[in-house]
Every structure is written in structure tokens, then in C-alpha cells.
Protein backbone atom coordinates (compact mmCIF):
# COMPACT_ATOMS: atom_id res chain seq x y z
CA MET A 1 79.51 20.59 -45.81
CA SER A 2 80.32 24.12 -44.63
CA GLY A 3 83.44 25.99 -45.66
CA ALA A 4 86.31 27.21 -43.49
CA HIS A 5 83.93 29.39 -41.49
CA PRO A 6 80.28 28.82 -40.69
CA ARG A 7 77.79 30.73 -42.82
CA VAL A 8 75.08 32.61 -40.93
CA ALA A 9 71.55 33.92 -41.41
CA VAL A 10 70.91 37.13 -39.44
CA ALA A 11 67.63 38.90 -38.68
CA ALA A 12 68.26 42.26 -36.97
CA PRO A 13 66.66 45.69 -36.55
CA ASN A 14 68.64 47.35 -39.36
CA ALA A 15 70.96 46.65 -42.29
CA ALA A 16 74.17 47.78 -40.55
CA ALA A 17 73.48 45.37 -37.68
CA ALA A 18 72.64 42.46 -40.00
CA GLU A 19 75.75 43.11 -42.11
CA ALA A 20 77.92 43.24 -38.95
CA GLY A 21 76.76 39.72 -38.10
CA VAL A 22 77.68 38.39 -41.55
CA ARG A 23 81.06 40.18 -41.44
CA VAL A 24 82.04 38.71 -38.07
CA ALA A 25 81.10 35.22 -39.28
CA ALA A 26 83.30 35.71 -42.36
CA GLU A 27 86.15 36.62 -39.99
CA GLY A 28 85.82 33.30 -38.18
CA GLY A 29 82.86 33.82 -35.88
CA ASN A 30 79.84 31.59 -35.30
CA ALA A 31 76.13 32.37 -34.77
CA VAL A 32 76.83 33.60 -31.22
CA ASP A 33 79.56 36.05 -32.32
CA ALA A 34 77.36 37.26 -35.20
CA ALA A 35 74.39 37.84 -32.90
CA ILE A 36 76.53 39.77 -30.39
CA ALA A 37 78.09 41.92 -33.13
CA ALA A 38 74.64 42.73 -34.57
CA THR A 39 73.33 43.58 -31.09
CA LEU A 40 76.27 45.91 -30.32
CA VAL A 41 75.67 47.79 -33.60
CA THR A 42 71.99 48.05 -32.67
CA MET A 43 73.01 49.51 -29.29
CA VAL A 44 74.73 52.30 -31.25
CA ASN A 45 72.34 53.08 -34.08
CA GLU A 46 68.86 52.50 -32.61
CA ILE A 47 68.93 55.78 -30.64
CA GLY A 48 66.28 56.05 -27.93
CA VAL A 49 65.49 52.34 -28.18
CA VAL A 50 68.58 50.55 -26.83
CA SER A 51 72.15 51.37 -25.79
CA PRO A 52 75.19 49.70 -24.19
CA ALA A 53 73.49 50.40 -20.82
CA SER A 54 70.45 48.24 -21.67
CA GLY A 55 69.38 45.09 -19.93
CA GLY A 56 68.82 41.93 -21.92
CA PHE A 57 68.73 38.18 -22.38
CA VAL A 58 70.70 35.83 -24.64
CA THR A 59 69.28 32.38 -25.41
CA LEU A 60 71.74 30.16 -27.26
CA GLN A 61 72.40 26.60 -28.23
CA VAL A 62 75.65 25.53 -29.80
CA ALA A 63 75.75 22.12 -31.43
CA GLY A 64 76.35 19.36 -28.89
CA SER A 65 75.41 21.49 -25.83
CA GLU A 66 72.24 22.14 -23.87
CA ALA A 67 70.39 25.38 -24.51
CA VAL A 68 70.92 28.13 -21.93
CA THR A 69 69.59 31.62 -21.33
CA ILE A 70 72.07 34.19 -20.06
CA ASP A 71 70.16 36.63 -17.88
CA GLY A 72 71.60 40.12 -18.20
CA TRP A 73 68.43 41.85 -17.11
CA VAL A 74 68.47 44.96 -14.94
CA GLU A 75 68.61 45.08 -11.16
CA MET A 76 67.34 47.47 -8.52
CA PRO A 77 70.34 49.60 -7.44
CA GLY A 78 70.90 51.52 -4.20
CA ARG A 79 73.15 49.21 -2.18
CA GLY A 80 74.48 50.89 0.95
CA LEU A 81 72.51 54.12 0.53
CA ALA A 82 70.73 55.92 3.36
CA PRO A 83 66.90 55.76 3.26
CA GLU A 84 66.67 59.48 2.40
CA SER A 85 68.59 58.86 -0.85
CA PHE A 86 65.59 57.06 -2.34
CA GLY A 87 62.69 58.81 -4.03
CA ARG A 88 64.88 61.51 -5.59
CA GLY A 89 66.03 62.21 -9.12
CA VAL A 90 62.80 61.03 -10.76
CA TRP A 91 59.75 62.60 -12.38
CA ASP A 92 56.92 61.36 -14.56
CA VAL A 93 56.42 62.37 -18.19
CA THR A 94 53.51 61.60 -20.51
CA THR A 95 53.89 61.40 -24.27
CA ASP A 96 51.56 60.51 -27.13
CA TYR A 97 53.80 57.58 -28.09
CA GLY A 98 51.91 54.29 -28.26
CA GLY A 99 48.55 56.01 -27.89
CA GLY A 100 49.61 57.69 -24.64
CA THR A 101 52.43 56.53 -22.36
CA THR A 102 53.43 57.72 -18.90
CA THR A 103 56.89 56.81 -17.73
CA THR A 104 59.38 57.91 -15.06
CA VAL A 105 62.69 59.49 -16.14
CA GLY A 106 65.75 61.12 -14.58
CA HIS A 107 68.95 59.83 -12.98
CA GLY A 108 66.90 58.06 -10.30
CA SER A 109 65.08 55.95 -12.92
CA VAL A 110 68.28 54.15 -14.00
CA ALA A 111 68.57 50.48 -13.03
CA THR A 112 71.83 48.54 -12.91
CA PRO A 113 72.35 47.53 -16.56
CA GLY A 114 73.28 43.95 -17.42
CA GLY A 115 73.03 43.56 -21.19
CA LEU A 116 76.72 44.12 -21.86
CA LYS A 117 77.70 41.57 -19.20
CA ALA A 118 75.35 39.02 -20.82
CA LEU A 119 76.91 39.60 -24.26
CA ASP A 120 80.43 39.32 -22.80
CA LEU A 121 79.57 36.09 -20.96
CA ALA A 122 77.85 34.59 -24.04
CA HIS A 123 81.00 35.31 -26.04
CA ARG A 124 83.33 33.79 -23.45
CA ARG A 125 81.17 30.64 -23.17
CA SER A 126 80.31 30.02 -26.81
CA GLY A 127 81.94 32.51 -29.21
CA LYS A 128 84.82 31.76 -31.57
CA ALA A 129 85.99 35.12 -32.94
CA PRO A 130 88.21 37.45 -30.86
CA TRP A 131 86.14 39.87 -28.73
CA ARG A 132 87.82 42.89 -30.38
CA GLU A 133 86.58 41.74 -33.80
CA VAL A 134 83.07 41.26 -32.45
CA VAL A 135 82.97 44.85 -31.09
CA GLN A 136 84.74 46.46 -34.09
CA PRO A 137 81.67 46.99 -36.35
CA ALA A 138 79.90 48.92 -33.55
CA ILE A 139 83.01 51.12 -33.07
CA GLU A 140 83.03 51.95 -36.78
CA VAL A 141 79.30 52.77 -36.88
CA ALA A 142 79.66 55.17 -33.91
CA ARG A 143 82.85 56.76 -35.31
CA ASP A 144 81.90 57.02 -39.00
CA GLY A 145 78.23 57.87 -38.52
CA PHE A 146 74.94 56.19 -39.36
CA PRO A 147 71.55 57.24 -40.72
CA LEU A 148 68.94 57.66 -38.00
CA SER A 149 66.54 54.72 -38.34
CA ARG A 150 62.83 55.09 -38.98
CA THR A 151 62.09 53.47 -35.62
CA SER A 152 64.33 55.96 -33.77
CA GLY A 153 63.06 58.90 -35.81
CA TYR A 154 59.47 57.95 -35.02
CA TYR A 155 60.15 57.54 -31.28
CA LEU A 156 62.20 60.75 -31.01
CA GLY A 157 59.36 62.62 -32.71
CA PHE A 158 57.37 62.06 -29.50
CA THR A 159 60.19 62.15 -26.93
CA HIS A 160 63.09 64.33 -28.17
CA GLU A 161 62.29 67.19 -25.78
CA ILE A 162 60.46 65.63 -22.84
CA ILE A 163 62.76 62.57 -22.41
CA PHE A 164 65.91 63.20 -24.46
CA GLY A 165 66.02 66.99 -24.27
CA TRP A 166 66.25 67.85 -20.55
CA HIS A 167 69.84 66.53 -20.14
CA GLN A 168 72.28 68.73 -22.06
CA PRO A 169 74.65 66.03 -23.41
CA SER A 170 71.61 64.11 -24.71
CA HIS A 171 69.92 67.21 -26.14
CA GLY A 172 73.01 67.98 -28.19
CA VAL A 173 72.98 64.61 -29.97
CA VAL A 174 69.29 64.40 -30.89
CA HIS A 175 68.86 68.04 -31.98
CA ASP A 176 70.41 70.06 -34.80
CA GLU A 177 72.28 73.28 -34.01
CA ASP A 178 69.08 75.26 -34.46
CA GLY A 179 67.31 73.10 -31.85
CA THR A 180 65.12 71.03 -34.20
CA VAL A 181 64.95 67.28 -33.65
CA ILE A 182 67.04 65.16 -36.02
CA LYS A 183 64.97 63.33 -38.60
CA ALA A 184 65.06 59.73 -39.87
CA GLY A 185 67.79 59.39 -42.47
CA SER A 186 70.00 62.19 -41.12
CA THR A 187 73.56 61.17 -40.25
CA VAL A 188 74.49 60.80 -36.59
CA ILE A 189 78.10 60.59 -35.35
CA ILE A 190 78.89 59.95 -31.66
CA PRO A 191 82.70 60.11 -31.21
CA GLU A 192 82.56 59.61 -27.42
CA LEU A 193 80.56 56.40 -27.93
CA ALA A 194 83.20 55.13 -30.36
CA GLU A 195 85.85 55.78 -27.66
CA ALA A 196 83.71 54.00 -25.03
CA LEU A 197 83.30 51.00 -27.32
CA GLN A 198 87.08 50.92 -27.84
CA LEU A 199 87.44 50.58 -24.07
CA ILE A 200 84.84 47.79 -24.14
CA ALA A 201 86.77 46.09 -26.98
CA ARG A 202 89.99 46.33 -24.98
CA ASP A 203 88.77 45.57 -21.45
CA GLY A 204 85.52 43.65 -22.01
CA ALA A 205 82.23 44.55 -20.33
CA GLU A 206 84.09 45.01 -17.04
CA THR A 207 84.98 48.63 -17.93
CA LEU A 208 81.29 49.55 -17.48
CA TYR A 209 81.19 47.86 -14.06
CA THR A 210 84.54 48.47 -12.35
CA GLY A 211 86.66 50.31 -14.94
CA GLU A 212 86.94 53.71 -16.64
CA LEU A 213 83.36 53.87 -17.91
CA ALA A 214 82.05 52.87 -14.48
CA GLN A 215 83.88 55.81 -12.88
CA LEU A 216 82.24 58.32 -15.25
CA LEU A 217 78.83 56.80 -14.65
CA ILE A 218 79.16 56.70 -10.86
CA HIS A 219 80.33 60.32 -10.68
CA ASP A 220 77.40 61.60 -12.76
CA MET A 221 74.90 59.55 -10.71
CA ALA A 222 76.23 60.87 -7.40
CA GLU A 223 76.01 64.47 -8.64
CA ASN A 224 72.39 64.14 -9.78
CA ASP A 225 70.44 62.12 -7.19
CA GLY A 226 70.85 58.79 -8.99
CA ILE A 227 70.87 55.70 -6.77
CA LEU A 228 73.07 53.54 -9.03
CA ASN A 229 76.49 53.39 -7.37
CA ALA A 230 79.88 51.63 -7.44
CA GLU A 231 78.69 48.85 -5.15
CA ASP A 232 75.76 48.01 -7.47
CA LEU A 233 77.95 47.90 -10.57
CA ALA A 234 80.69 45.83 -8.94
CA ALA A 235 78.14 43.32 -7.57
CA TYR A 236 76.34 42.77 -10.88
CA GLU A 237 76.75 39.36 -12.56
CA ALA A 238 75.02 37.91 -15.60
CA ILE A 239 73.40 34.59 -14.66
CA VAL A 240 73.44 31.43 -16.81
CA ARG A 241 70.17 29.54 -16.44
CA PRO A 242 69.03 26.30 -18.11
CA ALA A 243 66.58 27.43 -20.77
CA LEU A 244 62.88 26.65 -20.32
CA MET A 245 62.09 23.78 -22.72
CA VAL A 246 58.90 23.14 -24.70
CA ARG A 247 58.82 19.79 -26.53
CA GLN A 248 56.16 19.57 -29.24
CA ASN A 249 55.66 18.09 -32.68
CA GLY A 250 59.25 16.94 -33.10
CA TRP A 251 60.72 20.29 -31.99
CA ARG A 252 62.42 21.40 -28.77
CA LEU A 253 61.95 25.12 -28.11
CA ALA A 254 64.29 26.72 -25.56
CA THR A 255 63.15 30.05 -24.13
CA ASN A 256 63.75 32.48 -21.25
CA PRO A 257 63.11 30.78 -17.86
CA PRO A 258 61.80 32.33 -14.60
CA PRO A 259 62.20 34.74 -12.87
CA ALA A 260 61.52 36.53 -16.20
CA VAL A 261 57.89 36.03 -17.22
CA GLY A 262 58.00 36.27 -21.04
CA GLY A 263 59.30 32.77 -21.72
CA VAL A 264 56.89 31.31 -19.15
CA ALA A 265 54.00 32.94 -21.03
CA VAL A 266 55.26 31.61 -24.39
CA ALA A 267 55.68 28.09 -22.99
CA ALA A 268 52.26 28.11 -21.30
CA MET A 269 50.52 29.36 -24.45
CA LEU A 270 52.20 26.73 -26.62
CA ALA A 271 51.30 23.96 -24.16
CA LEU A 272 47.67 25.05 -24.33
CA LEU A 273 47.80 25.37 -28.14
CA ASP A 274 49.41 21.96 -28.68
CA GLY A 275 48.50 20.93 -32.23
CA VAL A 276 46.67 24.22 -32.96
CA PRO A 277 46.40 25.47 -35.65
CA ALA A 278 46.14 22.15 -37.41
CA ASP A 279 46.38 23.36 -40.97
CA GLY A 280 48.22 26.54 -41.97
CA SER A 281 45.89 29.15 -40.48
CA TRP A 282 43.44 29.61 -37.61
CA ASN A 283 39.90 28.33 -38.23
CA PRO A 284 37.10 29.96 -36.14
CA THR A 285 37.30 27.32 -33.38
CA GLU A 286 41.10 27.65 -33.21
CA LEU A 287 40.87 31.46 -33.10
CA GLU A 288 38.49 31.14 -30.16
CA ARG A 289 41.03 28.85 -28.50
CA LEU A 290 43.84 31.36 -29.20
CA VAL A 291 41.87 34.17 -27.53
CA ASP A 292 40.98 31.97 -24.53
CA VAL A 293 44.60 30.82 -24.13
CA GLN A 294 46.03 34.36 -24.22
CA HIS A 295 43.34 35.61 -21.84
CA ALA A 296 44.05 32.78 -19.42
CA VAL A 297 47.85 33.11 -19.45
CA LEU A 298 48.06 36.91 -19.42
CA GLY A 299 45.26 37.05 -16.84
CA ARG A 300 47.67 35.56 -14.31
CA ARG A 301 49.43 38.96 -14.35
CA LEU A 302 52.84 37.46 -13.60
CA ALA A 303 54.53 40.69 -14.66
CA GLU A 304 52.94 42.43 -11.66
CA LEU A 305 54.70 40.19 -9.13
CA ASP A 306 57.74 42.06 -7.84
CA ALA A 307 59.56 39.39 -5.79
CA GLU A 308 61.82 37.07 -7.81
CA ASP A 309 61.02 33.97 -5.74
CA VAL A 310 57.27 34.58 -6.02
CA ARG A 311 57.56 34.96 -9.82
CA GLN A 312 59.56 31.72 -9.92
CA LEU A 313 56.90 29.85 -7.95
CA GLU A 314 53.92 31.31 -9.80
CA GLY A 315 55.63 30.73 -13.14
CA GLN A 316 56.10 27.06 -12.24
CA LYS A 317 52.44 26.76 -11.22
CA LEU A 318 51.34 28.35 -14.48
CA LEU A 319 53.42 25.90 -16.53
CA GLU A 320 52.06 22.90 -14.60
CA LEU A 321 48.47 24.03 -15.17
CA ALA A 322 49.16 24.74 -18.83
CA SER A 323 50.80 21.36 -19.44
CA ALA A 324 47.65 19.74 -18.00
CA GLY A 325 45.63 21.77 -20.56
CA ASP A 326 43.59 23.38 -17.78
CA LEU A 327 42.33 26.74 -19.00
CA ARG A 328 39.81 27.31 -16.21
CA ALA A 329 42.46 27.06 -13.52
CA LEU A 330 44.42 29.80 -15.21
CA THR A 331 41.79 32.51 -15.27
CA SER A 332 41.80 33.62 -11.58
CA PRO A 333 58.33 48.67 -22.47
CA SER A 334 60.92 49.67 -26.20
CA THR A 335 63.07 46.73 -27.26
CA ALA A 336 65.44 45.47 -29.96
CA THR A 337 65.99 41.92 -30.99
CA VAL A 338 68.44 39.84 -33.05
CA SER A 339 68.16 36.20 -34.22
CA VAL A 340 71.03 34.26 -35.82
CA VAL A 341 71.70 30.67 -36.88
CA ASP A 342 74.72 29.16 -38.62
CA ASP A 343 75.15 26.15 -40.89
CA GLU A 344 76.89 24.16 -38.17
CA GLY A 345 73.69 24.04 -36.14
CA ASP A 346 74.34 26.88 -33.67
CA ALA A 347 71.51 29.29 -32.83
CA CYS A 348 71.41 32.50 -30.78
CA ALA A 349 68.58 34.93 -30.04
CA ILE A 350 69.13 38.18 -28.12
CA THR A 351 66.62 40.73 -26.83
CA VAL A 352 67.74 43.99 -25.19
CA SER A 353 65.86 47.01 -23.85
CA SER A 354 66.46 50.41 -22.31
CA GLY A 355 62.81 50.91 -21.42
CA TYR A 356 61.65 54.29 -22.67
CA GLY A 357 65.03 55.88 -21.88
CA SER A 358 65.92 57.94 -18.79
CA GLY A 359 67.12 60.89 -20.87
CA VAL A 360 70.55 60.63 -19.20
CA LEU A 361 73.57 60.50 -21.52
CA THR A 362 76.53 59.97 -19.20
CA PRO A 363 79.06 62.76 -19.93
CA GLY A 364 82.25 61.51 -21.54
CA THR A 365 80.77 58.19 -22.69
CA GLY A 366 78.19 58.78 -25.43
CA ILE A 367 76.05 56.14 -23.63
CA TRP A 368 72.38 56.73 -22.91
CA LEU A 369 71.07 55.11 -19.74
CA ASN A 370 67.91 53.02 -19.28
CA ASN A 371 64.84 54.02 -17.27
CA ALA A 372 63.98 50.45 -16.25
CA LEU A 373 62.94 51.69 -12.77
CA GLY A 374 60.44 53.97 -14.51
CA GLU A 375 58.54 51.35 -16.52
CA GLN A 376 55.33 51.68 -14.57
CA GLU A 377 53.63 48.63 -16.11
CA LEU A 378 56.45 46.44 -14.73
CA LEU A 379 57.18 48.16 -11.40
CA HIS A 380 53.88 48.59 -9.67
CA GLY A 381 55.15 49.88 -6.33
CA GLY A 382 57.00 52.87 -7.82
CA PRO A 383 60.57 53.36 -9.06
CA HIS A 384 62.38 52.68 -5.76
CA SER A 385 60.02 50.07 -4.30
CA LEU A 386 62.26 46.99 -4.49
CA ALA A 387 65.17 45.87 -2.35
CA PRO A 388 68.58 46.69 -3.91
CA GLY A 389 69.89 43.70 -5.86
CA THR A 390 66.43 42.47 -6.90
CA ARG A 391 66.29 41.52 -10.58
CA LEU A 392 63.32 43.22 -12.24
CA THR A 393 60.64 41.40 -14.18
CA SER A 394 60.67 41.14 -17.98
CA ASN A 395 58.42 40.04 -20.84
CA MET A 396 61.42 39.26 -23.07
CA ALA A 397 61.64 35.77 -24.51
CA PRO A 398 64.49 35.27 -27.01
CA SER A 399 64.19 31.63 -28.07
CA VAL A 400 65.96 28.94 -30.07
CA ALA A 401 64.51 25.64 -31.31
CA ARG A 402 65.94 22.42 -32.68
CA ARG A 403 64.14 19.81 -34.78
CA ASP A 404 64.77 16.27 -33.56
CA SER A 405 64.69 14.58 -36.97
CA ASP A 406 67.52 16.43 -38.72
CA GLY A 407 69.09 18.95 -36.32
CA ALA A 408 67.55 21.97 -38.07
CA VAL A 409 67.70 25.08 -35.87
CA LEU A 410 65.54 28.18 -35.49
CA ALA A 411 66.34 31.42 -33.62
CA ILE A 412 63.31 33.62 -32.98
CA SER A 413 62.78 36.77 -30.93
CA SER A 414 60.62 39.89 -30.85
CA PRO A 415 60.38 43.34 -29.26
CA GLY A 416 57.02 44.69 -28.10
CA SER A 417 56.54 44.75 -24.30
CA ASP A 418 53.65 42.44 -23.29
CA ARG A 419 53.02 41.60 -26.98
CA ILE A 420 56.35 39.68 -27.09
CA PRO A 421 55.00 36.34 -25.78
CA THR A 422 51.80 36.48 -27.87
CA ALA A 423 53.70 37.32 -31.09
CA LEU A 424 56.24 34.53 -30.57
CA ALA A 425 53.65 31.91 -29.60
CA GLN A 426 51.51 32.68 -32.68
CA VAL A 427 54.41 32.58 -35.16
CA TYR A 428 55.87 29.42 -33.64
CA ALA A 429 52.48 27.65 -33.58
CA LEU A 430 51.73 28.61 -37.20
CA TYR A 431 55.16 27.34 -38.25
CA THR A 432 55.58 24.14 -36.22
CA HIS A 433 51.91 23.14 -35.67
CA GLY A 434 50.29 24.60 -38.78
CA GLY A 435 53.09 23.95 -41.27
CA LEU A 436 53.19 27.48 -42.73
CA PRO A 437 56.50 28.54 -44.32
CA LEU A 438 58.48 30.68 -41.87
CA ALA A 439 58.03 33.97 -43.77
CA GLU A 440 54.26 33.41 -44.02
CA ALA A 441 54.05 32.54 -40.32
CA VAL A 442 55.78 35.85 -39.46
CA GLU A 443 53.58 37.89 -41.82
CA HIS A 444 50.31 36.20 -40.77
CA PRO A 445 47.74 38.47 -39.02
CA ARG A 446 47.99 38.47 -35.21
CA LEU A 447 45.89 39.17 -32.17
CA HIS A 448 46.75 40.12 -28.59
CA VAL A 449 44.48 39.94 -25.56
CA ARG A 450 45.23 43.07 -23.55
CA VAL A 451 44.67 42.35 -19.86
CA ARG A 452 44.90 45.51 -17.78
CA ASP A 453 42.08 47.27 -15.95
CA ASP A 454 39.83 45.92 -18.68
CA VAL A 455 40.20 43.10 -21.24
CA ILE A 456 40.25 43.84 -24.98
CA VAL A 457 41.17 41.62 -27.92
CA ASP A 458 43.39 43.76 -30.16
CA TYR A 459 43.63 42.26 -33.65
CA GLU A 460 44.84 43.05 -37.15
CA ASP A 461 41.70 43.54 -39.19
CA ASP A 462 42.65 41.01 -41.86
CA LEU A 463 42.21 38.30 -39.20
CA PRO A 464 38.62 36.93 -39.39
CA LEU A 465 37.86 37.35 -35.68
CA ALA A 466 34.10 38.08 -35.99
CA GLY A 467 31.95 35.65 -34.03
CA THR A 468 34.85 33.83 -32.35
CA THR A 469 34.89 35.65 -29.00
CA ASN A 470 32.52 37.38 -26.61
CA LEU A 471 35.26 39.68 -25.34
CA PRO A 472 35.32 43.33 -26.51
CA SER A 473 37.61 43.68 -29.53
CA ARG A 474 39.52 46.47 -31.27
CA PRO A 475 40.63 46.20 -34.91
CA MET A 476 43.96 47.64 -36.02
CA PRO A 477 45.47 47.97 -39.51
CA PRO A 478 47.34 44.96 -40.94
CA HIS A 479 51.00 44.65 -39.88
CA SER A 480 50.69 47.16 -37.03
CA MET A 481 53.95 47.82 -35.15
CA TYR A 482 51.95 47.23 -31.94
CA PHE A 483 52.03 43.45 -32.53
CA GLY A 484 55.82 43.15 -32.18
CA GLY A 485 58.50 42.62 -34.78
CA VAL A 486 59.49 38.97 -34.97
CA ALA A 487 63.04 38.31 -36.19
CA ALA A 488 63.58 34.71 -37.26
CA ALA A 489 66.62 32.86 -38.64
CA PHE A 490 66.55 29.21 -39.71
CA TRP A 491 68.94 26.56 -40.97
CA ASP A 492 68.18 23.09 -42.06
CA PRO A 493 70.59 20.66 -43.71
CA SER A 494 68.55 20.43 -46.94
CA GLU A 495 67.12 23.96 -47.34
CA GLY A 496 70.15 25.86 -46.04
CA LEU A 497 69.88 29.31 -44.41
CA ILE A 498 66.76 31.51 -44.21
CA ALA A 499 66.33 34.86 -42.41
CA VAL A 500 62.96 36.59 -42.00
CA GLY A 501 62.21 40.12 -40.85
CA ASP A 502 58.76 41.27 -39.78
CA PRO A 503 56.92 43.74 -42.05
CA ARG A 504 55.61 45.36 -38.83
CA ARG A 505 59.07 46.82 -38.11
CA THR A 506 61.97 48.18 -40.15
CA GLY A 507 64.00 45.01 -39.69
CA ALA A 508 66.77 43.78 -41.98
CA VAL A 509 68.14 40.36 -42.86
CA ALA A 510 71.49 39.19 -44.19
CA ILE A 511 72.88 35.77 -45.13
CA SER A 512 76.54 34.87 -45.63
CA PRO A 513 77.40 34.49 -49.32
CA PRO A 514 78.23 30.92 -50.43
CA ASP A 515 81.91 30.02 -50.15
């Protein structure tokens, strides 16, 4: 029997975010409030990774209701603009991050952000604590300061000048007075961001779309060849979609549905892996199957389809083929994630992303803007190639699962671009098919079939891959950041609350103390 307030288990990118989730639950919130609070703190203190102008998805299930995914992913802006307005305000940069990454930055790379609208809508639908209390921890972190995380410090080491240094307001935050980049562990204070979050606490997400923050954003865009305008912001709505369901082995997994492609890939892989692995780990035959399944699903290249309706149709086809077990028929960007459950059976998983960052920090707000139009692996026709209002594609797949026998719930999510679906499918299969304890399933060695111009099986070298595939392979050190960073939170009526962070990332976990 739970106490006056539900207790929560939180897996988040850092300790301040995880603790914010536990705090909000103690103040009367549920798993949804805790997940939103942890995400808002992450939007403050994971500099360069995410911000309040990210896009994102929230998958949640509160006891007694069907699972839904709230789609707050980014849209192509530019409504009402003359043709000559497009193609400006963008340039390509190449960094050594991730073994060499080219991305497009500048005011023209900014897509209409939706993450904040998704959080706001999730709270209004399913939260219990007052919105002000949910936002308060993020206000305090921005106002009082926070240590720069290892993840941010690592990323800024590659990008502080070329992405985050060209725009003066941004340069001032990520560099010391003598011009050197701030290092992991140094204290960062962003007073303007604290003020912006106070507006968000008072007025809800709407301030970023039609209110005071929107005005500052629109003015800066118009002055600097950005295509995001008042019409785009006012038109943006988060969309509630029935979650995509996978029923297997006494569990019901709810994940991100089309037109996003990440959840489709997870669902297709799990359908093709039904019952595999059979016993705790992958045997050679099962490893061969895992490689074939990833190759088949990722080989469909759903992420390269720009039109929403085409992605919807192709995603449906992929799921139908996968559920029939037909492998042969199938072979023709920077993220943060939070997973929370509570002891009343609610579960919420949130994934948000700003891409690689546009470098724009809107003056007067303390808010960095995304470069979702510049993620070249997801926007193949160039930054301004879609019709305004089109929702972009995404590999994100925040997921929640419920066990039929006892109502146990799992929230699971991961960052990692196209490695998101493969990481989630492997952990979930090891846990629900193979029977590994959750922490061991998260820590277990992984592989990822990279399908681009060529096909390579990337794998952690403590996975015994030798002899199981004819595809070219590339070993990487154990627990490489490349393979995602799964955050998992679990509650079952007999075992209680468990939260698991991934050793591949600098994640943190927190669990409410017993009453």
C-alpha cells in the first residue's frame, strides 16, 4: 500500500534531474510530473544537448488508461514566407565529434520546437502536482547554478567555437572571460534562463508560442534570416497518438507510433526476435538472428522518407511484414532521456533532442535553439526542403510496458540517434524474453548494424560475434557511448521500485525514500 503520495523511481541524465523527479513526487506529483520535472532540469543543465526549445516525445500510461504518445517533435517552419526567404541563414560545419560529423547551423537551421508543448500537454492530461511546482526545480538550477556535466563538457570540447561560439550571447555562456571553453565540473549560472522558466511556470508552454518568449524569438529570427516566424509558433500543437503496441511474453510494450520511425523499428525488431534470446544471453544462432533482424529493419531506411503520410504507410507495411516473421521481404542526432515509474502503476518515458544545436541563444531568454533542420542524416533534401508545417522524422522511441499478470510497469528510453531502436530492442528482449535482471540487461554488450552507404556491424568487443555473421564488423570498447544510454525504471508489486542507468552514459537514478 503506498503512502499519501506515490513513490517514484527515476532514471535521468544527471543527479539534479533525478532528484527533481523525486522531489516533485514528494510534493504530491506522480510518475508523469516527476518525469516532466526531471526533463525540464535536463533542458537547463545538459548544455549543448537539449534545451527548452527542443523537440521530443512523451509516452505515458497512467493506471486504468490506455498508453499514449504525445508527439512534440519539431516541424518545418516558414509559413507565409516568400520563396526568396528560404535557403538563407544556414551554413555547414564539420567537427570531430562522433568520429566526424557534418551538420548545418545558423538561424535558418532552427525548426519549430515542440518539446515544451508536449510536456505541458502531458501534465494537463495526466499530472497531479501544480505546474508551477513541476517547473520550480529547473528555475532553481538555472538561477543558483549547476556543474557542467561530463556529457556537455565532452560535446563542447568539439563544438564550443564552431557551433556555440559564433553567436555572441551563446559564446558568453560557454566560454570563460579569457575566451577558454568552460570545462566539465565548472559552475554555470544562466539568470535569463531562470527568468524565462518563471514565465513558463506562470503562463505554461504558451509563452514560447504566442507570449513574451515567442516575441523575443520571432524578433531575433527576423533580424537574422531565420524562417521560424509567429505563424509557425502559433500554429504548433502537440499531438496525442495511441501508442504503438507490442504484445509478447505476457508484456504489453507501448512505444512511439508513426510518423516517427524509432518506435516502428523497435516494434518490428521485437516481432522478429519473438522469444529470442531464450536464456539470458545471445547464443551464436541468436546473435546471427539479431544481426539479420537489425539489417532487415534498418535497411528499409524509413528515416530517409520525408513525407509524413509515406512514413506512416511504409511503417505500417514494415510492421505487417515483421509480425509475419518475414525477414527476406524486409531487405529491399544528440538526445536526452528520462524514465519514471511510480508505485501506483503509472509509467512515463520522455526523449528530447536539440539536434547538434544551431548555436543560436535567443537574446533575453537564455534558451539555445535546435538545429533540427540541419540534421543531414534525417533531412536528405537539405534544410529547407520540406513544406512548412511538415513534422520531421525521428528515431526516438520512449516506451512504457505493463506486465499482464500483476500490473508491473517499466519505463524505458534511450538517446543515441539511429542506435536508439537497436539499444531498446536488445535490452527489452534480454529482459522480457531472456529473463535477465533489468540492470544486467542494460549493461549487457550490444551491437548495431549501421546501414548507410555501406553496411557494418558495430559491436562491443565483449560480445562473442566471431563466426555469427558474414557482414563486415567493427569492434568497439565495452560500454561505448555510441550504443546509446538506456534509462530504465521499474515497479512491481512484490519487488517495489528499481531504477537503472546505463554505464555507457553519465546517467543518474533516484528512488523516493520509504514513507
